[in-house]
Amino acid sequence: MSFAIGDKFETTFIINKAVYNGFVNIFNDNNPLHTDESFALSHSFKGKVMHGNILNGFLSYFIGECLPVKNVIIHSQEIQYKNPVYLDDELVFEAVVTGIFESVAAIEFKFNFKNADNFIAAKGKFQIGLI
């Protein structure tokens, strides 16, 4: 296997208008917290809160495109949303290898997304299999 415990990977994602509009257009999730600025402000947020599942899309991109191997399949993933993210937020994504299971060709990672203020927007873990 080409991974070792403690291997660390990092990349940056920006929730720009194209990402936001693409998500809304594809999934048609028009919850006012995500689409109505005045609604979000009236509920003590700084603006429209971006859909949490946008981060799942970034996670999928990371697994499929940023890891040093392409022969992978996602076995499982878990994500916990900790702080809201907003339009044009830049998120630093960090993943660390926490488990290697050679008998079943699986690798486990813990990850987090941090915003520019260094707050964790989301964290979790995922396991991939090498195919």
N, C-alpha and C. Protein backbone atom coordinates (compact mmCIF):
# COMPACT_ATOMS: atom_id res chain seq x y z
N MET A 1 0.85 -1.19 0.00
CA MET A 1 0.00 0.00 0.00
C MET A 1 0.88 1.24 0.00
N SER A 2 0.36 2.30 -0.56
CA SER A 2 1.16 3.52 -0.67
C SER A 2 0.83 4.54 0.42
N PHE A 3 0.30 4.09 1.54
CA PHE A 3 -0.04 4.98 2.64
C PHE A 3 0.63 4.49 3.92
N ALA A 4 0.85 5.43 4.85
CA ALA A 4 1.38 5.11 6.17
C ALA A 4 0.56 5.87 7.21
N ILE A 5 0.45 5.30 8.40
CA ILE A 5 -0.24 5.99 9.50
C ILE A 5 0.41 7.35 9.70
N GLY A 6 -0.42 8.37 9.80
CA GLY A 6 0.08 9.73 10.01
C GLY A 6 0.27 10.52 8.73
N ASP A 7 0.21 9.87 7.57
CA ASP A 7 0.29 10.63 6.31
C ASP A 7 -0.79 11.71 6.32
N LYS A 8 -0.39 12.91 5.91
CA LYS A 8 -1.29 14.05 5.98
C LYS A 8 -1.45 14.65 4.58
N PHE A 9 -2.69 14.99 4.26
CA PHE A 9 -3.01 15.59 2.97
C PHE A 9 -3.79 16.87 3.24
N GLU A 10 -3.53 17.90 2.43
CA GLU A 10 -4.21 19.18 2.62
C GLU A 10 -4.52 19.81 1.27
N THR A 11 -5.67 20.41 1.18
CA THR A 11 -6.05 21.17 -0.01
C THR A 11 -7.02 22.26 0.43
N THR A 12 -7.30 23.18 -0.46
CA THR A 12 -8.19 24.30 -0.15
C THR A 12 -9.38 24.29 -1.10
N PHE A 13 -10.53 24.59 -0.56
CA PHE A 13 -11.76 24.70 -1.35
C PHE A 13 -12.39 26.06 -1.08
N ILE A 14 -13.03 26.63 -2.09
CA ILE A 14 -13.76 27.88 -1.94
C ILE A 14 -15.21 27.64 -2.35
N ILE A 15 -16.12 28.04 -1.49
CA ILE A 15 -17.54 27.93 -1.83
C ILE A 15 -17.91 29.21 -2.59
N ASN A 16 -17.67 29.18 -3.88
CA ASN A 16 -17.98 30.35 -4.70
C ASN A 16 -19.40 30.25 -5.25
N LYS A 17 -19.80 31.27 -6.00
CA LYS A 17 -21.17 31.31 -6.55
C LYS A 17 -21.46 30.14 -7.46
N ALA A 18 -20.48 29.71 -8.24
CA ALA A 18 -20.70 28.59 -9.17
C ALA A 18 -20.99 27.31 -8.40
N VAL A 19 -20.26 27.06 -7.33
CA VAL A 19 -20.48 25.86 -6.50
C VAL A 19 -21.87 25.94 -5.86
N TYR A 20 -22.16 27.09 -5.25
CA TYR A 20 -23.45 27.28 -4.59
C TYR A 20 -24.61 27.12 -5.58
N ASN A 21 -24.55 27.86 -6.69
CA ASN A 21 -25.64 27.80 -7.68
C ASN A 21 -25.77 26.40 -8.28
N GLY A 22 -24.65 25.73 -8.51
CA GLY A 22 -24.69 24.38 -9.04
C GLY A 22 -25.40 23.43 -8.09
N PHE A 23 -25.09 23.55 -6.81
CA PHE A 23 -25.75 22.68 -5.82
C PHE A 23 -27.26 22.93 -5.79
N VAL A 24 -27.65 24.21 -5.71
CA VAL A 24 -29.08 24.54 -5.66
C VAL A 24 -29.78 24.07 -6.93
N ASN A 25 -29.17 24.30 -8.09
CA ASN A 25 -29.80 23.92 -9.36
C ASN A 25 -29.92 22.41 -9.52
N ILE A 26 -28.93 21.67 -9.07
CA ILE A 26 -28.97 20.21 -9.23
C ILE A 26 -29.92 19.56 -8.22
N PHE A 27 -29.84 19.98 -6.96
CA PHE A 27 -30.59 19.29 -5.91
C PHE A 27 -31.88 20.00 -5.51
N ASN A 28 -32.07 21.23 -5.98
CA ASN A 28 -33.30 21.96 -5.74
C ASN A 28 -33.63 22.10 -4.25
N ASP A 29 -32.59 22.22 -3.43
CA ASP A 29 -32.78 22.43 -1.99
C ASP A 29 -32.87 23.94 -1.76
N ASN A 30 -34.09 24.42 -1.62
CA ASN A 30 -34.33 25.86 -1.49
C ASN A 30 -34.72 26.26 -0.07
N ASN A 31 -34.25 25.51 0.92
CA ASN A 31 -34.49 25.86 2.31
C ASN A 31 -34.09 27.33 2.50
N PRO A 32 -34.94 28.15 3.13
CA PRO A 32 -34.63 29.58 3.23
C PRO A 32 -33.34 29.89 4.01
N LEU A 33 -32.91 29.02 4.88
CA LEU A 33 -31.64 29.25 5.57
C LEU A 33 -30.49 29.33 4.57
N HIS A 34 -30.64 28.60 3.47
CA HIS A 34 -29.60 28.53 2.45
C HIS A 34 -29.83 29.49 1.28
N THR A 35 -31.04 30.00 1.12
CA THR A 35 -31.35 30.76 -0.09
C THR A 35 -31.88 32.17 0.16
N ASP A 36 -32.24 32.48 1.38
CA ASP A 36 -32.85 33.78 1.69
C ASP A 36 -32.00 34.51 2.72
N GLU A 37 -31.28 35.51 2.25
CA GLU A 37 -30.36 36.27 3.10
C GLU A 37 -31.07 36.84 4.33
N SER A 38 -32.22 37.46 4.15
CA SER A 38 -32.91 38.08 5.29
C SER A 38 -33.39 37.03 6.29
N PHE A 39 -33.82 35.87 5.81
CA PHE A 39 -34.22 34.79 6.71
C PHE A 39 -33.02 34.36 7.57
N ALA A 40 -31.87 34.13 6.93
CA ALA A 40 -30.68 33.70 7.66
C ALA A 40 -30.24 34.75 8.67
N LEU A 41 -30.25 36.03 8.25
CA LEU A 41 -29.87 37.10 9.17
C LEU A 41 -30.82 37.17 10.36
N SER A 42 -32.11 36.94 10.13
CA SER A 42 -33.09 37.01 11.21
C SER A 42 -32.95 35.84 12.19
N HIS A 43 -32.17 34.85 11.82
CA HIS A 43 -31.91 33.71 12.71
C HIS A 43 -30.47 33.71 13.23
N SER A 44 -29.88 34.89 13.30
CA SER A 44 -28.56 35.12 13.92
C SER A 44 -27.37 34.59 13.13
N PHE A 45 -27.53 34.35 11.84
CA PHE A 45 -26.39 33.97 11.01
C PHE A 45 -25.87 35.21 10.29
N LYS A 46 -24.63 35.15 9.80
CA LYS A 46 -23.99 36.28 9.12
C LYS A 46 -24.48 36.44 7.68
N GLY A 47 -25.22 35.50 7.21
CA GLY A 47 -25.73 35.51 5.84
C GLY A 47 -26.27 34.14 5.52
N LYS A 48 -26.56 33.91 4.23
CA LYS A 48 -27.04 32.59 3.83
C LYS A 48 -26.01 31.54 4.22
N VAL A 49 -26.47 30.50 4.89
CA VAL A 49 -25.60 29.40 5.28
C VAL A 49 -25.52 28.43 4.10
N MET A 50 -24.32 28.08 3.73
CA MET A 50 -24.14 27.16 2.61
C MET A 50 -24.59 25.76 3.02
N HIS A 51 -25.10 25.01 2.08
CA HIS A 51 -25.55 23.64 2.32
C HIS A 51 -24.38 22.79 2.82
N GLY A 52 -24.59 22.07 3.89
CA GLY A 52 -23.54 21.20 4.42
C GLY A 52 -23.08 20.16 3.43
N ASN A 53 -24.00 19.70 2.59
CA ASN A 53 -23.63 18.65 1.65
C ASN A 53 -22.72 19.13 0.53
N ILE A 54 -22.52 20.42 0.41
CA ILE A 54 -21.48 20.91 -0.51
C ILE A 54 -20.13 20.36 -0.05
N LEU A 55 -19.95 20.28 1.28
CA LEU A 55 -18.68 19.75 1.81
C LEU A 55 -18.53 18.28 1.45
N ASN A 56 -19.64 17.54 1.40
CA ASN A 56 -19.56 16.14 0.95
C ASN A 56 -19.06 16.06 -0.48
N GLY A 57 -19.46 17.00 -1.31
CA GLY A 57 -18.95 17.05 -2.69
C GLY A 57 -17.46 17.29 -2.71
N PHE A 58 -16.98 18.21 -1.86
CA PHE A 58 -15.54 18.45 -1.78
C PHE A 58 -14.81 17.19 -1.30
N LEU A 59 -15.41 16.50 -0.35
CA LEU A 59 -14.82 15.26 0.17
C LEU A 59 -14.71 14.22 -0.94
N SER A 60 -15.76 14.08 -1.72
CA SER A 60 -15.73 13.14 -2.85
C SER A 60 -14.64 13.51 -3.85
N TYR A 61 -14.53 14.80 -4.15
CA TYR A 61 -13.48 15.27 -5.06
C TYR A 61 -12.10 14.93 -4.50
N PHE A 62 -11.91 15.20 -3.21
CA PHE A 62 -10.62 14.91 -2.59
C PHE A 62 -10.26 13.43 -2.74
N ILE A 63 -11.20 12.56 -2.41
CA ILE A 63 -10.93 11.12 -2.46
C ILE A 63 -10.64 10.68 -3.89
N GLY A 64 -11.43 11.15 -4.83
CA GLY A 64 -11.29 10.70 -6.21
C GLY A 64 -10.16 11.35 -6.98
N GLU A 65 -9.80 12.59 -6.61
CA GLU A 65 -8.85 13.34 -7.43
C GLU A 65 -7.56 13.77 -6.74
N CYS A 66 -7.55 13.86 -5.43
CA CYS A 66 -6.37 14.42 -4.74
C CYS A 66 -5.48 13.37 -4.07
N LEU A 67 -6.02 12.21 -3.81
CA LEU A 67 -5.18 11.16 -3.23
C LEU A 67 -4.18 10.67 -4.27
N PRO A 68 -3.06 10.12 -3.84
CA PRO A 68 -2.02 9.69 -4.79
C PRO A 68 -2.36 8.40 -5.55
N VAL A 69 -3.51 7.82 -5.29
CA VAL A 69 -3.96 6.63 -6.03
C VAL A 69 -5.37 6.89 -6.55
N LYS A 70 -5.69 6.29 -7.66
CA LYS A 70 -7.03 6.49 -8.26
C LYS A 70 -7.89 5.23 -8.15
N ASN A 71 -7.31 4.12 -7.76
CA ASN A 71 -8.05 2.86 -7.68
C ASN A 71 -8.71 2.71 -6.31
N VAL A 72 -9.64 3.64 -6.01
CA VAL A 72 -10.27 3.65 -4.69
C VAL A 72 -11.79 3.62 -4.81
N ILE A 73 -12.41 3.14 -3.75
CA ILE A 73 -13.85 3.18 -3.61
C ILE A 73 -14.14 3.57 -2.16
N ILE A 74 -15.17 4.37 -1.96
CA ILE A 74 -15.52 4.79 -0.60
C ILE A 74 -16.30 3.67 0.07
N HIS A 75 -15.80 3.21 1.21
CA HIS A 75 -16.52 2.22 2.01
C HIS A 75 -17.52 2.89 2.95
N SER A 76 -17.07 3.98 3.59
CA SER A 76 -17.93 4.68 4.53
C SER A 76 -17.42 6.09 4.72
N GLN A 77 -18.33 6.95 5.17
CA GLN A 77 -17.93 8.31 5.55
C GLN A 77 -18.89 8.83 6.61
N GLU A 78 -18.34 9.66 7.47
CA GLU A 78 -19.10 10.27 8.55
C GLU A 78 -18.68 11.72 8.62
N ILE A 79 -19.65 12.62 8.72
CA ILE A 79 -19.32 14.04 8.81
C ILE A 79 -20.18 14.69 9.87
N GLN A 80 -19.55 15.57 10.65
CA GLN A 80 -20.24 16.34 11.68
C GLN A 80 -20.04 17.81 11.35
N TYR A 81 -21.14 18.54 11.25
CA TYR A 81 -21.07 19.97 10.94
C TYR A 81 -20.97 20.73 12.25
N LYS A 82 -19.93 21.55 12.38
CA LYS A 82 -19.64 22.23 13.64
C LYS A 82 -19.92 23.72 13.60
N ASN A 83 -19.64 24.38 12.49
CA ASN A 83 -19.84 25.82 12.34
C ASN A 83 -20.33 26.10 10.93
N PRO A 84 -21.17 27.14 10.78
CA PRO A 84 -21.69 27.43 9.45
C PRO A 84 -20.60 27.93 8.52
N VAL A 85 -20.82 27.69 7.23
CA VAL A 85 -19.95 28.25 6.20
C VAL A 85 -20.81 29.12 5.30
N TYR A 86 -20.17 30.13 4.71
CA TYR A 86 -20.87 31.15 3.95
C TYR A 86 -20.27 31.26 2.55
N LEU A 87 -21.02 31.92 1.69
CA LEU A 87 -20.57 32.14 0.33
C LEU A 87 -19.20 32.81 0.34
N ASP A 88 -18.32 32.32 -0.50
CA ASP A 88 -16.94 32.79 -0.67
C ASP A 88 -16.01 32.41 0.47
N ASP A 89 -16.47 31.59 1.40
CA ASP A 89 -15.55 31.08 2.43
C ASP A 89 -14.50 30.20 1.78
N GLU A 90 -13.27 30.37 2.24
CA GLU A 90 -12.16 29.50 1.84
C GLU A 90 -11.96 28.50 2.96
N LEU A 91 -12.04 27.23 2.61
CA LEU A 91 -11.93 26.16 3.60
C LEU A 91 -10.67 25.36 3.35
N VAL A 92 -9.88 25.19 4.39
CA VAL A 92 -8.71 24.32 4.31
C VAL A 92 -9.17 22.93 4.75
N PHE A 93 -8.96 21.98 3.87
CA PHE A 93 -9.32 20.59 4.14
C PHE A 93 -8.05 19.83 4.49
N GLU A 94 -8.09 19.11 5.59
CA GLU A 94 -6.95 18.31 6.03
C GLU A 94 -7.42 16.90 6.33
N ALA A 95 -6.72 15.92 5.81
CA ALA A 95 -7.03 14.51 6.08
C ALA A 95 -5.76 13.81 6.53
N VAL A 96 -5.90 12.93 7.53
CA VAL A 96 -4.76 12.20 8.08
C VAL A 96 -5.11 10.71 8.10
N VAL A 97 -4.17 9.89 7.67
CA VAL A 97 -4.36 8.44 7.71
C VAL A 97 -4.31 7.99 9.16
N THR A 98 -5.39 7.32 9.60
CA THR A 98 -5.45 6.85 10.99
C THR A 98 -5.52 5.33 11.10
N GLY A 99 -5.72 4.66 9.99
CA GLY A 99 -5.79 3.20 10.04
C GLY A 99 -5.48 2.59 8.68
N ILE A 100 -4.76 1.49 8.71
CA ILE A 100 -4.45 0.72 7.50
C ILE A 100 -4.82 -0.73 7.78
N PHE A 101 -5.65 -1.27 6.92
CA PHE A 101 -6.14 -2.63 7.10
C PHE A 101 -5.77 -3.43 5.85
N GLU A 102 -4.54 -3.92 5.84
CA GLU A 102 -4.01 -4.58 4.64
C GLU A 102 -4.80 -5.82 4.23
N SER A 103 -5.34 -6.55 5.20
CA SER A 103 -6.04 -7.79 4.87
C SER A 103 -7.27 -7.55 3.99
N VAL A 104 -7.83 -6.34 4.08
CA VAL A 104 -8.99 -6.00 3.24
C VAL A 104 -8.72 -4.79 2.35
N ALA A 105 -7.45 -4.40 2.24
CA ALA A 105 -7.01 -3.28 1.39
C ALA A 105 -7.81 -2.01 1.66
N ALA A 106 -7.92 -1.64 2.94
CA ALA A 106 -8.69 -0.46 3.33
C ALA A 106 -7.82 0.54 4.10
N ILE A 107 -8.13 1.80 3.91
CA ILE A 107 -7.43 2.89 4.59
C ILE A 107 -8.47 3.77 5.26
N GLU A 108 -8.22 4.15 6.52
CA GLU A 108 -9.12 5.04 7.25
C GLU A 108 -8.44 6.39 7.44
N PHE A 109 -9.23 7.45 7.30
CA PHE A 109 -8.75 8.82 7.46
C PHE A 109 -9.67 9.56 8.43
N LYS A 110 -9.09 10.50 9.17
CA LYS A 110 -9.87 11.51 9.87
C LYS A 110 -9.63 12.81 9.11
N PHE A 111 -10.66 13.66 9.07
CA PHE A 111 -10.52 14.90 8.30
C PHE A 111 -11.23 16.05 9.00
N ASN A 112 -10.89 17.27 8.58
CA ASN A 112 -11.63 18.44 8.99
C ASN A 112 -11.55 19.51 7.91
N PHE A 113 -12.54 20.39 7.93
CA PHE A 113 -12.58 21.59 7.12
C PHE A 113 -12.46 22.76 8.08
N LYS A 114 -11.49 23.65 7.89
CA LYS A 114 -11.35 24.85 8.73
C LYS A 114 -11.55 26.08 7.86
N ASN A 115 -12.24 27.09 8.45
CA ASN A 115 -12.43 28.33 7.71
C ASN A 115 -11.26 29.28 7.97
N ALA A 116 -11.32 30.47 7.39
CA ALA A 116 -10.21 31.43 7.49
C ALA A 116 -9.95 31.87 8.93
N ASP A 117 -10.96 31.77 9.79
CA ASP A 117 -10.79 32.11 11.21
C ASP A 117 -10.28 30.93 12.02
N ASN A 118 -9.94 29.84 11.33
CA ASN A 118 -9.42 28.62 11.94
C ASN A 118 -10.46 27.87 12.77
N PHE A 119 -11.74 28.14 12.53
CA PHE A 119 -12.82 27.39 13.16
C PHE A 119 -13.06 26.13 12.35
N ILE A 120 -13.31 25.02 13.03
CA ILE A 120 -13.66 23.80 12.32
C ILE A 120 -15.11 23.92 11.85
N ALA A 121 -15.28 23.90 10.54
CA ALA A 121 -16.62 23.94 9.95
C ALA A 121 -17.24 22.56 10.00
N ALA A 122 -16.43 21.53 9.75
CA ALA A 122 -16.91 20.15 9.78
C ALA A 122 -15.72 19.24 10.02
N LYS A 123 -16.02 18.07 10.56
CA LYS A 123 -14.98 17.07 10.77
C LYS A 123 -15.61 15.70 10.63
N GLY A 124 -14.77 14.70 10.50
CA GLY A 124 -15.30 13.35 10.41
C GLY A 124 -14.24 12.35 10.06
N LYS A 125 -14.69 11.25 9.49
CA LYS A 125 -13.76 10.21 9.06
C LYS A 125 -14.35 9.50 7.85
N PHE A 126 -13.48 8.89 7.09
CA PHE A 126 -13.92 8.07 5.97
C PHE A 126 -12.98 6.91 5.80
N GLN A 127 -13.49 5.87 5.19
CA GLN A 127 -12.67 4.70 4.88
C GLN A 127 -12.80 4.41 3.39
N ILE A 128 -11.66 4.16 2.79
CA ILE A 128 -11.65 3.80 1.37
C ILE A 128 -11.09 2.39 1.22
N GLY A 129 -11.46 1.79 0.14
CA GLY A 129 -10.87 0.50 -0.23
C GLY A 129 -10.07 0.69 -1.50
N LEU A 130 -8.96 -0.02 -1.59
CA LEU A 130 -8.17 -0.01 -2.82
C LEU A 130 -8.67 -1.14 -3.70
N ILE A 131 -9.00 -0.81 -4.94
CA ILE A 131 -9.57 -1.81 -5.83
C ILE A 131 -8.59 -2.16 -6.95
